[in-house]
Amino acid sequence: MKRLAVLISLLALSSLALASPALAAPAPSNDTFGGATVIGSLPFSDTVDTTKATTDANDAEANASCGAPATDASVWYQLTPDTDESIVVDASDSSYPAGVIVVTGSPGSFSFVACGFFFGGGAPQPKATGGPFVFSVSAGQTYSIVAFDPQFDSGGNGGTLNITVDVAPPPPVVTLTVDPAGHFNKSGSATVTGTVLCTGIADPGFIDVQLSQHVGRVATVSGFGETQFTCDGTTQVWSAEVFPFSGLFKGGKATSDSFASACGPFQCGGDEVTRSISLRS
């Protein structure tokens, strides 16, 4: 009888354990707007199991201006920057296609700021494509960041979210000069020269030159040329041949409008110079 009583007790405890909802994994603590994780300093990173995260009307409101097909498995963060700056958010290292929406304000009066995700032409994606993307912030303003599962993979609820938030690197700084004298060529084109200095992390930059010249009393010859430069922190001499759309460039005064630009990982920088130049042979 004693053994039977012990066995019955064990079976009862086992049944209670199996029936107990307390053993189910809880939703993340930042599952809703009210429980948003406060980002106290940058850089910030977080890894969250969002398989038990839910979605609600606040997610739908935040998504109204973004247009994701779903906002499943959402988790919330809040950032209040001390200075005006640009912020970069990245969720692309997650285990599922992730989306990110940024809003200001409170539920019922959200103001859309930015969002990032990749539709992929309707094709399922092998991993998250929720960033990186950049948005500008103002000091003292609170920004709510919601990361979610837009169901681009036609699958279920979330997975492992890996999200980072940081200050975006500054755009490259470009300084352009244009020489006061250029050259006209026998073919009718013109050559414009100058220097360019680019500092920062950037892909190869471009210089676009638009040139116009009054020829005779009423005719105007205009044309376009371009060249490339590297962003390596050194002053470089550049030269661009400008080909006329019609007519021929000749000796004399002309107006050059030159624009140099280079783009870093998230932002671009540039410089523009408009000046009169003298075309010589």
C-alpha atoms as a PDB file:
ATOM      1  CA  MET A   1       0.000   0.000   0.000  1.00  0.00           C
ATOM      2  CA  LYS A   2       2.849   2.375   0.835  1.00  0.00           C
ATOM      3  CA  ARG A   3       4.427   1.865  -2.583  1.00  0.00           C
ATOM      4  CA  LEU A   4       1.048   2.388  -4.261  1.00  0.00           C
ATOM      5  CA  ALA A   5       0.500   5.658  -2.373  1.00  0.00           C
ATOM      6  CA  VAL A   6       3.924   6.957  -3.400  1.00  0.00           C
ATOM      7  CA  LEU A   7       3.262   6.008  -7.026  1.00  0.00           C
ATOM      8  CA  ILE A   8      -0.102   7.786  -7.005  1.00  0.00           C
ATOM      9  CA  SER A   9       1.514  10.912  -5.521  1.00  0.00           C
ATOM     10  CA  LEU A  10       4.214  10.942  -8.196  1.00  0.00           C
ATOM     11  CA  LEU A  11       1.639  10.529 -10.949  1.00  0.00           C
ATOM     12  CA  ALA A  12      -0.397  13.396  -9.526  1.00  0.00           C
ATOM     13  CA  LEU A  13       2.626  15.701  -9.398  1.00  0.00           C
ATOM     14  CA  SER A  14       3.561  14.741 -12.951  1.00  0.00           C
ATOM     15  CA  SER A  15       0.049  15.517 -14.176  1.00  0.00           C
ATOM     16  CA  LEU A  16       0.099  18.914 -12.477  1.00  0.00           C
ATOM     17  CA  ALA A  17       3.466  19.741 -14.025  1.00  0.00           C
ATOM     18  CA  LEU A  18       2.258  18.817 -17.489  1.00  0.00           C
ATOM     19  CA  ALA A  19      -0.921  20.816 -17.088  1.00  0.00           C
ATOM     20  CA  SER A  20       0.706  23.884 -15.541  1.00  0.00           C
ATOM     21  CA  PRO A  21       0.830  26.896 -17.890  1.00  0.00           C
ATOM     22  CA  ALA A  22       3.670  28.335 -15.814  1.00  0.00           C
ATOM     23  CA  LEU A  23       6.112  26.127 -17.680  1.00  0.00           C
ATOM     24  CA  ALA A  24       5.341  27.854 -21.003  1.00  0.00           C
ATOM     25  CA  ALA A  25       8.050  30.286 -22.125  1.00  0.00           C
ATOM     26  CA  PRO A  26       6.964  33.865 -21.385  1.00  0.00           C
ATOM     27  CA  ALA A  27       6.855  36.690 -23.906  1.00  0.00           C
ATOM     28  CA  PRO A  28       9.891  39.025 -23.856  1.00  0.00           C
ATOM     29  CA  SER A  29       9.732  41.771 -21.240  1.00  0.00           C
ATOM     30  CA  ASN A  30       9.705  44.414 -23.991  1.00  0.00           C
ATOM     31  CA  ASP A  31       6.878  42.740 -25.926  1.00  0.00           C
ATOM     32  CA  THR A  32       4.719  45.879 -25.746  1.00  0.00           C
ATOM     33  CA  PHE A  33       5.155  49.647 -25.988  1.00  0.00           C
ATOM     34  CA  GLY A  34       4.687  50.008 -22.228  1.00  0.00           C
ATOM     35  CA  GLY A  35       7.540  47.613 -21.476  1.00  0.00           C
ATOM     36  CA  ALA A  36       9.994  49.056 -23.989  1.00  0.00           C
ATOM     37  CA  THR A  37      13.678  48.516 -23.245  1.00  0.00           C
ATOM     38  CA  VAL A  38      15.317  51.888 -22.594  1.00  0.00           C
ATOM     39  CA  ILE A  39      18.532  52.416 -24.548  1.00  0.00           C
ATOM     40  CA  GLY A  40      20.677  54.288 -22.052  1.00  0.00           C
ATOM     41  CA  SER A  41      23.839  54.694 -24.115  1.00  0.00           C
ATOM     42  CA  LEU A  42      25.245  53.960 -27.555  1.00  0.00           C
ATOM     43  CA  PRO A  43      26.411  51.696 -29.035  1.00  0.00           C
ATOM     44  CA  PHE A  44      23.599  49.348 -27.979  1.00  0.00           C
ATOM     45  CA  SER A  45      22.999  45.718 -28.892  1.00  0.00           C
ATOM     46  CA  ASP A  46      20.420  43.155 -27.830  1.00  0.00           C
ATOM     47  CA  THR A  47      19.649  39.516 -28.562  1.00  0.00           C
ATOM     48  CA  VAL A  48      16.069  38.390 -27.924  1.00  0.00           C
ATOM     49  CA  ASP A  49      14.096  35.201 -28.491  1.00  0.00           C
ATOM     50  CA  THR A  50      10.939  36.620 -30.074  1.00  0.00           C
ATOM     51  CA  THR A  51       9.149  33.326 -30.744  1.00  0.00           C
ATOM     52  CA  LYS A  52       6.703  34.087 -27.900  1.00  0.00           C
ATOM     53  CA  ALA A  53       6.388  37.799 -28.640  1.00  0.00           C
ATOM     54  CA  THR A  54       2.963  39.072 -29.662  1.00  0.00           C
ATOM     55  CA  THR A  55       1.543  41.877 -31.765  1.00  0.00           C
ATOM     56  CA  ASP A  56      -1.133  44.439 -30.918  1.00  0.00           C
ATOM     57  CA  ALA A  57      -2.850  47.623 -32.068  1.00  0.00           C
ATOM     58  CA  ASN A  58       0.204  49.749 -31.233  1.00  0.00           C
ATOM     59  CA  ASP A  59       2.281  47.730 -33.694  1.00  0.00           C
ATOM     60  CA  ALA A  60      -0.368  48.226 -36.361  1.00  0.00           C
ATOM     61  CA  GLU A  61      -0.467  51.980 -35.734  1.00  0.00           C
ATOM     62  CA  ALA A  62       3.321  52.246 -35.988  1.00  0.00           C
ATOM     63  CA  ASN A  63       3.179  50.289 -39.241  1.00  0.00           C
ATOM     64  CA  ALA A  64       0.486  52.467 -40.826  1.00  0.00           C
ATOM     65  CA  SER A  65       3.025  54.610 -42.707  1.00  0.00           C
ATOM     66  CA  CYS A  66       5.507  51.793 -43.270  1.00  0.00           C
ATOM     67  CA  GLY A  67       3.335  49.196 -44.954  1.00  0.00           C
ATOM     68  CA  ALA A  68       4.853  45.908 -43.803  1.00  0.00           C
ATOM     69  CA  PRO A  69       2.553  42.942 -44.518  1.00  0.00           C
ATOM     70  CA  ALA A  70       2.642  41.891 -40.829  1.00  0.00           C
ATOM     71  CA  THR A  71       4.038  43.016 -37.459  1.00  0.00           C
ATOM     72  CA  ASP A  72       4.295  39.661 -35.701  1.00  0.00           C
ATOM     73  CA  ALA A  73       6.671  38.958 -32.805  1.00  0.00           C
ATOM     74  CA  SER A  74       7.261  42.624 -32.030  1.00  0.00           C
ATOM     75  CA  VAL A  75       9.555  43.998 -29.326  1.00  0.00           C
ATOM     76  CA  TRP A  76      10.019  47.654 -28.379  1.00  0.00           C
ATOM     77  CA  TYR A  77      12.951  49.927 -27.506  1.00  0.00           C
ATOM     78  CA  GLN A  78      13.165  53.620 -26.599  1.00  0.00           C
ATOM     79  CA  LEU A  79      15.998  56.062 -27.263  1.00  0.00           C
ATOM     80  CA  THR A  80      16.249  59.681 -26.062  1.00  0.00           C
ATOM     81  CA  PRO A  81      19.442  61.200 -27.528  1.00  0.00           C
ATOM     82  CA  ASP A  82      21.371  64.000 -25.846  1.00  0.00           C
ATOM     83  CA  THR A  83      22.435  65.620 -29.128  1.00  0.00           C
ATOM     84  CA  ASP A  84      21.200  66.067 -32.676  1.00  0.00           C
ATOM     85  CA  GLU A  85      22.764  63.296 -34.732  1.00  0.00           C
ATOM     86  CA  SER A  86      22.157  60.454 -37.164  1.00  0.00           C
ATOM     87  CA  ILE A  87      21.377  56.986 -35.813  1.00  0.00           C
ATOM     88  CA  VAL A  88      21.917  53.667 -37.573  1.00  0.00           C
ATOM     89  CA  VAL A  89      19.775  50.623 -36.714  1.00  0.00           C
ATOM     90  CA  ASP A  90      20.639  47.117 -37.893  1.00  0.00           C
ATOM     91  CA  ALA A  91      18.660  43.901 -37.447  1.00  0.00           C
ATOM     92  CA  SER A  92      20.166  42.050 -40.399  1.00  0.00           C
ATOM     93  CA  ASP A  93      22.022  39.487 -38.276  1.00  0.00           C
ATOM     94  CA  SER A  94      18.789  37.965 -36.955  1.00  0.00           C
ATOM     95  CA  SER A  95      17.686  34.407 -37.691  1.00  0.00           C
ATOM     96  CA  TYR A  96      14.584  35.536 -39.596  1.00  0.00           C
ATOM     97  CA  PRO A  97      13.669  38.380 -41.962  1.00  0.00           C
ATOM     98  CA  ALA A  98      13.167  41.279 -39.567  1.00  0.00           C
ATOM     99  CA  GLY A  99      11.671  44.720 -39.916  1.00  0.00           C
ATOM    100  CA  VAL A 100      12.255  47.855 -37.843  1.00  0.00           C
ATOM    101  CA  ILE A 101       9.990  50.888 -37.479  1.00  0.00           C
ATOM    102  CA  VAL A 102      10.845  54.154 -35.699  1.00  0.00           C
ATOM    103  CA  VAL A 103       8.148  56.492 -34.362  1.00  0.00           C
ATOM    104  CA  THR A 104       7.793  59.333 -31.882  1.00  0.00           C
ATOM    105  CA  GLY A 105       4.872  60.070 -29.587  1.00  0.00           C
ATOM    106  CA  SER A 106       2.479  57.779 -27.736  1.00  0.00           C
ATOM    107  CA  PRO A 107      -0.082  55.181 -28.837  1.00  0.00           C
ATOM    108  CA  GLY A 108      -2.919  56.914 -30.626  1.00  0.00           C
ATOM    109  CA  SER A 109      -0.670  59.775 -31.748  1.00  0.00           C
ATOM    110  CA  PHE A 110       2.433  58.150 -33.226  1.00  0.00           C
ATOM    111  CA  SER A 111       4.472  60.179 -35.719  1.00  0.00           C
ATOM    112  CA  PHE A 112       6.309  58.062 -38.263  1.00  0.00           C
ATOM    113  CA  VAL A 113      10.074  58.634 -38.568  1.00  0.00           C
ATOM    114  CA  ALA A 114      11.558  55.770 -40.587  1.00  0.00           C
ATOM    115  CA  CYS A 115      11.398  52.059 -41.294  1.00  0.00           C
ATOM    116  CA  GLY A 116      13.626  49.440 -42.843  1.00  0.00           C
ATOM    117  CA  PHE A 117      12.955  46.005 -44.266  1.00  0.00           C
ATOM    118  CA  PHE A 118      13.306  44.151 -47.543  1.00  0.00           C
ATOM    119  CA  PHE A 119      10.381  42.700 -49.453  1.00  0.00           C
ATOM    120  CA  GLY A 120      12.664  40.599 -51.693  1.00  0.00           C
ATOM    121  CA  GLY A 121      10.202  40.623 -54.562  1.00  0.00           C
ATOM    122  CA  GLY A 122       7.984  38.255 -52.608  1.00  0.00           C
ATOM    123  CA  ALA A 123      10.651  35.574 -52.362  1.00  0.00           C
ATOM    124  CA  PRO A 124      11.495  34.133 -48.935  1.00  0.00           C
ATOM    125  CA  GLN A 125      14.754  35.456 -47.548  1.00  0.00           C
ATOM    126  CA  PRO A 126      17.374  33.250 -45.852  1.00  0.00           C
ATOM    127  CA  LYS A 127      18.051  35.720 -43.032  1.00  0.00           C
ATOM    128  CA  ALA A 128      16.957  39.060 -41.702  1.00  0.00           C
ATOM    129  CA  THR A 129      16.995  42.098 -43.937  1.00  0.00           C
ATOM    130  CA  GLY A 130      15.882  44.720 -41.434  1.00  0.00           C
ATOM    131  CA  GLY A 131      18.737  47.115 -41.942  1.00  0.00           C
ATOM    132  CA  PRO A 132      20.992  48.845 -41.574  1.00  0.00           C
ATOM    133  CA  PHE A 133      19.233  52.144 -42.114  1.00  0.00           C
ATOM    134  CA  VAL A 134      19.815  55.671 -40.868  1.00  0.00           C
ATOM    135  CA  PHE A 135      17.490  58.310 -39.439  1.00  0.00           C
ATOM    136  CA  SER A 136      18.101  61.742 -37.925  1.00  0.00           C
ATOM    137  CA  VAL A 137      17.255  62.473 -34.295  1.00  0.00           C
ATOM    138  CA  SER A 138      16.839  65.619 -32.207  1.00  0.00           C
ATOM    139  CA  ALA A 139      18.189  66.078 -28.699  1.00  0.00           C
ATOM    140  CA  GLY A 140      15.631  65.388 -25.972  1.00  0.00           C
ATOM    141  CA  GLN A 141      13.092  63.719 -28.266  1.00  0.00           C
ATOM    142  CA  THR A 142      12.126  60.128 -27.391  1.00  0.00           C
ATOM    143  CA  TYR A 143      12.145  57.675 -30.294  1.00  0.00           C
ATOM    144  CA  SER A 144      10.381  54.326 -30.103  1.00  0.00           C
ATOM    145  CA  ILE A 145      11.955  51.520 -32.120  1.00  0.00           C
ATOM    146  CA  VAL A 146       9.870  48.411 -32.792  1.00  0.00           C
ATOM    147  CA  ALA A 147      11.465  45.306 -34.312  1.00  0.00           C
ATOM    148  CA  PHE A 148       9.125  42.686 -35.732  1.00  0.00           C
ATOM    149  CA  ASP A 149       8.581  39.738 -38.056  1.00  0.00           C
ATOM    150  CA  PRO A 150       6.967  40.937 -41.312  1.00  0.00           C
ATOM    151  CA  GLN A 151       6.521  37.321 -42.494  1.00  0.00           C
ATOM    152  CA  PHE A 152       8.619  37.810 -45.627  1.00  0.00           C
ATOM    153  CA  ASP A 153       9.702  34.182 -45.269  1.00  0.00           C
ATOM    154  CA  SER A 154       6.046  33.058 -45.168  1.00  0.00           C
ATOM    155  CA  GLY A 155       6.875  31.534 -41.811  1.00  0.00           C
ATOM    156  CA  GLY A 156       5.926  31.739 -38.206  1.00  0.00           C
ATOM    157  CA  ASN A 157       6.535  33.860 -35.242  1.00  0.00           C
ATOM    158  CA  GLY A 158       9.947  35.485 -35.013  1.00  0.00           C
ATOM    159  CA  GLY A 159      13.118  33.752 -33.930  1.00  0.00           C
ATOM    160  CA  THR A 160      16.400  35.119 -32.608  1.00  0.00           C
ATOM    161  CA  LEU A 161      16.473  38.886 -33.012  1.00  0.00           C
ATOM    162  CA  ASN A 162      19.907  40.523 -33.086  1.00  0.00           C
ATOM    163  CA  ILE A 163      19.555  44.294 -33.124  1.00  0.00           C
ATOM    164  CA  THR A 164      22.154  47.061 -32.846  1.00  0.00           C
ATOM    165  CA  VAL A 165      21.677  50.814 -32.472  1.00  0.00           C
ATOM    166  CA  ASP A 166      24.566  53.254 -32.819  1.00  0.00           C
ATOM    167  CA  VAL A 167      25.573  56.718 -33.941  1.00  0.00           C
ATOM    168  CA  ALA A 168      26.031  56.650 -37.704  1.00  0.00           C
ATOM    169  CA  PRO A 169      29.546  57.424 -38.935  1.00  0.00           C
ATOM    170  CA  PRO A 170      29.787  60.945 -40.368  1.00  0.00           C
ATOM    171  CA  PRO A 171      29.632  61.473 -44.122  1.00  0.00           C
ATOM    172  CA  PRO A 172      32.901  61.992 -45.976  1.00  0.00           C
ATOM    173  CA  VAL A 173      34.102  65.597 -46.157  1.00  0.00           C
ATOM    174  CA  VAL A 174      34.773  66.770 -49.706  1.00  0.00           C
ATOM    175  CA  THR A 175      36.565  70.015 -50.657  1.00  0.00           C
ATOM    176  CA  LEU A 176      36.625  70.997 -54.329  1.00  0.00           C
ATOM    177  CA  THR A 177      38.517  73.697 -56.218  1.00  0.00           C
ATOM    178  CA  VAL A 178      38.275  74.686 -59.880  1.00  0.00           C
ATOM    179  CA  ASP A 179      41.173  76.340 -61.679  1.00  0.00           C
ATOM    180  CA  PRO A 180      40.519  79.804 -63.182  1.00  0.00           C
ATOM    181  CA  ALA A 181      41.815  78.691 -66.568  1.00  0.00           C
ATOM    182  CA  GLY A 182      40.759  75.742 -68.716  1.00  0.00           C
ATOM    183  CA  HIS A 183      41.436  74.623 -72.258  1.00  0.00           C
ATOM    184  CA  PHE A 184      39.397  74.342 -75.432  1.00  0.00           C
ATOM    185  CA  ASN A 185      40.346  71.510 -77.751  1.00  0.00           C
ATOM    186  CA  LYS A 186      40.404  71.224 -81.547  1.00  0.00           C
ATOM    187  CA  SER A 187      37.526  68.729 -81.350  1.00  0.00           C
ATOM    188  CA  GLY A 188      35.315  71.376 -79.763  1.00  0.00           C
ATOM    189  CA  SER A 189      35.417  69.951 -76.247  1.00  0.00           C
ATOM    190  CA  ALA A 190      36.868  71.755 -73.233  1.00  0.00           C
ATOM    191  CA  THR A 191      39.034  70.619 -70.343  1.00  0.00           C
ATOM    192  CA  VAL A 192      38.329  71.833 -66.805  1.00  0.00           C
ATOM    193  CA  THR A 193      40.811  71.161 -63.983  1.00  0.00           C
ATOM    194  CA  GLY A 194      41.163  71.658 -60.241  1.00  0.00           C
ATOM    195  CA  THR A 195      41.861  69.853 -56.981  1.00  0.00           C
ATOM    196  CA  VAL A 196      39.772  67.697 -54.680  1.00  0.00           C
ATOM    197  CA  LEU A 197      40.319  66.577 -51.087  1.00  0.00           C
ATOM    198  CA  CYS A 198      38.170  63.849 -49.530  1.00  0.00           C
ATOM    199  CA  THR A 199      38.472  62.542 -45.974  1.00  0.00           C
ATOM    200  CA  GLY A 200      36.507  59.746 -44.348  1.00  0.00           C
ATOM    201  CA  ILE A 201      35.366  56.265 -45.312  1.00  0.00           C
ATOM    202  CA  ALA A 202      33.882  56.359 -48.795  1.00  0.00           C
ATOM    203  CA  ASP A 203      33.599  54.627 -52.123  1.00  0.00           C
ATOM    204  CA  PRO A 204      35.247  56.297 -55.130  1.00  0.00           C
ATOM    205  CA  GLY A 205      33.831  59.779 -55.627  1.00  0.00           C
ATOM    206  CA  PHE A 206      32.648  61.574 -58.743  1.00  0.00           C
ATOM    207  CA  ILE A 207      33.058  65.081 -60.110  1.00  0.00           C
ATOM    208  CA  ASP A 208      30.378  66.321 -62.507  1.00  0.00           C
ATOM    209  CA  VAL A 209      31.118  69.424 -64.577  1.00  0.00           C
ATOM    210  CA  GLN A 210      28.577  71.506 -66.469  1.00  0.00           C
ATOM    211  CA  LEU A 211      30.081  74.171 -68.693  1.00  0.00           C
ATOM    212  CA  SER A 212      28.351  76.941 -70.639  1.00  0.00           C
ATOM    213  CA  GLN A 213      29.777  79.615 -72.922  1.00  0.00           C
ATOM    214  CA  HIS A 214      28.269  82.467 -74.896  1.00  0.00           C
ATOM    215  CA  VAL A 215      29.503  82.277 -78.474  1.00  0.00           C
ATOM    216  CA  GLY A 216      28.635  85.257 -80.598  1.00  0.00           C
ATOM    217  CA  ARG A 217      25.726  87.472 -79.633  1.00  0.00           C
ATOM    218  CA  VAL A 218      22.990  84.947 -78.930  1.00  0.00           C
ATOM    219  CA  ALA A 219      24.374  81.401 -79.148  1.00  0.00           C
ATOM    220  CA  THR A 220      25.195  79.465 -75.995  1.00  0.00           C
ATOM    221  CA  VAL A 221      27.273  76.304 -76.039  1.00  0.00           C
ATOM    222  CA  SER A 222      26.834  73.988 -73.069  1.00  0.00           C
ATOM    223  CA  GLY A 223      28.150  70.557 -72.219  1.00  0.00           C
ATOM    224  CA  PHE A 224      28.847  67.978 -69.554  1.00  0.00           C
ATOM    225  CA  GLY A 225      31.865  66.007 -68.333  1.00  0.00           C
ATOM    226  CA  GLU A 226      32.819  63.876 -65.363  1.00  0.00           C
ATOM    227  CA  THR A 227      35.715  62.149 -63.651  1.00  0.00           C
ATOM    228  CA  GLN A 228      36.420  60.076 -60.536  1.00  0.00           C
ATOM    229  CA  PHE A 229      38.575  60.485 -57.435  1.00  0.00           C
ATOM    230  CA  THR A 230      39.531  58.428 -54.399  1.00  0.00           C
ATOM    231  CA  CYS A 231      38.698  59.384 -50.817  1.00  0.00           C
ATOM    232  CA  ASP A 232      42.103  58.901 -49.199  1.00  0.00           C
ATOM    233  CA  GLY A 233      42.749  62.128 -47.304  1.00  0.00           C
ATOM    234  CA  THR A 234      45.165  63.562 -49.884  1.00  0.00           C
ATOM    235  CA  THR A 235      44.719  66.523 -52.209  1.00  0.00           C
ATOM    236  CA  GLN A 236      44.395  65.268 -55.774  1.00  0.00           C
ATOM    237  CA  VAL A 237      44.549  67.061 -59.104  1.00  0.00           C
ATOM    238  CA  TRP A 238      41.555  66.307 -61.303  1.00  0.00           C
ATOM    239  CA  SER A 239      40.762  66.911 -64.940  1.00  0.00           C
ATOM    240  CA  ALA A 240      37.467  66.469 -66.799  1.00  0.00           C
ATOM    241  CA  GLU A 241      36.837  66.744 -70.519  1.00  0.00           C
ATOM    242  CA  VAL A 242      33.535  68.479 -71.207  1.00  0.00           C
ATOM    243  CA  PHE A 243      31.770  67.546 -74.428  1.00  0.00           C
ATOM    244  CA  PRO A 244      29.295  70.063 -75.883  1.00  0.00           C
ATOM    245  CA  PHE A 245      25.702  69.020 -76.484  1.00  0.00           C
ATOM    246  CA  SER A 246      25.875  71.026 -79.707  1.00  0.00           C
ATOM    247  CA  GLY A 247      28.291  73.525 -81.187  1.00  0.00           C
ATOM    248  CA  LEU A 248      31.936  73.968 -80.198  1.00  0.00           C
ATOM    249  CA  PHE A 249      33.667  75.480 -77.180  1.00  0.00           C
ATOM    250  CA  LYS A 250      36.067  78.264 -78.126  1.00  0.00           C
ATOM    251  CA  GLY A 251      38.560  80.546 -76.467  1.00  0.00           C
ATOM    252  CA  GLY A 252      37.159  83.048 -74.000  1.00  0.00           C
ATOM    253  CA  LYS A 253      35.093  83.204 -70.837  1.00  0.00           C
ATOM    254  CA  ALA A 254      32.865  80.319 -69.752  1.00  0.00           C
ATOM    255  CA  THR A 255      30.910  79.411 -66.626  1.00  0.00           C
ATOM    256  CA  SER A 256      31.688  76.157 -64.842  1.00  0.00           C
ATOM    257  CA  ASP A 257      29.326  74.522 -62.348  1.00  0.00           C
ATOM    258  CA  SER A 258      31.241  71.623 -60.776  1.00  0.00           C
ATOM    259  CA  PHE A 259      29.969  69.240 -58.112  1.00  0.00           C
ATOM    260  CA  ALA A 260      32.040  66.605 -56.256  1.00  0.00           C
ATOM    261  CA  SER A 261      30.403  63.876 -54.184  1.00  0.00           C
ATOM    262  CA  ALA A 262      31.428  60.746 -52.285  1.00  0.00           C
ATOM    263  CA  CYS A 263      29.319  58.318 -50.265  1.00  0.00           C
ATOM    264  CA  GLY A 264      30.216  56.429 -47.094  1.00  0.00           C
ATOM    265  CA  PRO A 265      28.382  53.407 -45.678  1.00  0.00           C
ATOM    266  CA  PHE A 266      25.288  55.433 -44.769  1.00  0.00           C
ATOM    267  CA  GLN A 267      25.680  59.072 -45.815  1.00  0.00           C
ATOM    268  CA  CYS A 268      27.138  61.140 -48.640  1.00  0.00           C
ATOM    269  CA  GLY A 269      29.165  64.341 -48.644  1.00  0.00           C
ATOM    270  CA  GLY A 270      29.852  66.833 -51.386  1.00  0.00           C
ATOM    271  CA  ASP A 271      31.043  70.253 -52.452  1.00  0.00           C
ATOM    272  CA  GLU A 272      30.018  72.530 -55.315  1.00  0.00           C
ATOM    273  CA  VAL A 273      31.915  75.330 -57.048  1.00  0.00           C
ATOM    274  CA  THR A 274      30.402  77.696 -59.605  1.00  0.00           C
ATOM    275  CA  ARG A 275      32.807  80.130 -61.194  1.00  0.00           C
ATOM    276  CA  SER A 276      33.887  81.868 -64.346  1.00  0.00           C
ATOM    277  CA  ILE A 277      36.874  80.343 -66.117  1.00  0.00           C
ATOM    278  CA  SER A 278      38.922  81.358 -69.127  1.00  0.00           C
ATOM    279  CA  LEU A 279      39.275  78.797 -71.919  1.00  0.00           C
ATOM    280  CA  ARG A 280      42.607  78.878 -73.679  1.00  0.00           C
ATOM    281  CA  SER A 281      44.129  76.804 -76.433  1.00  0.00           C
END
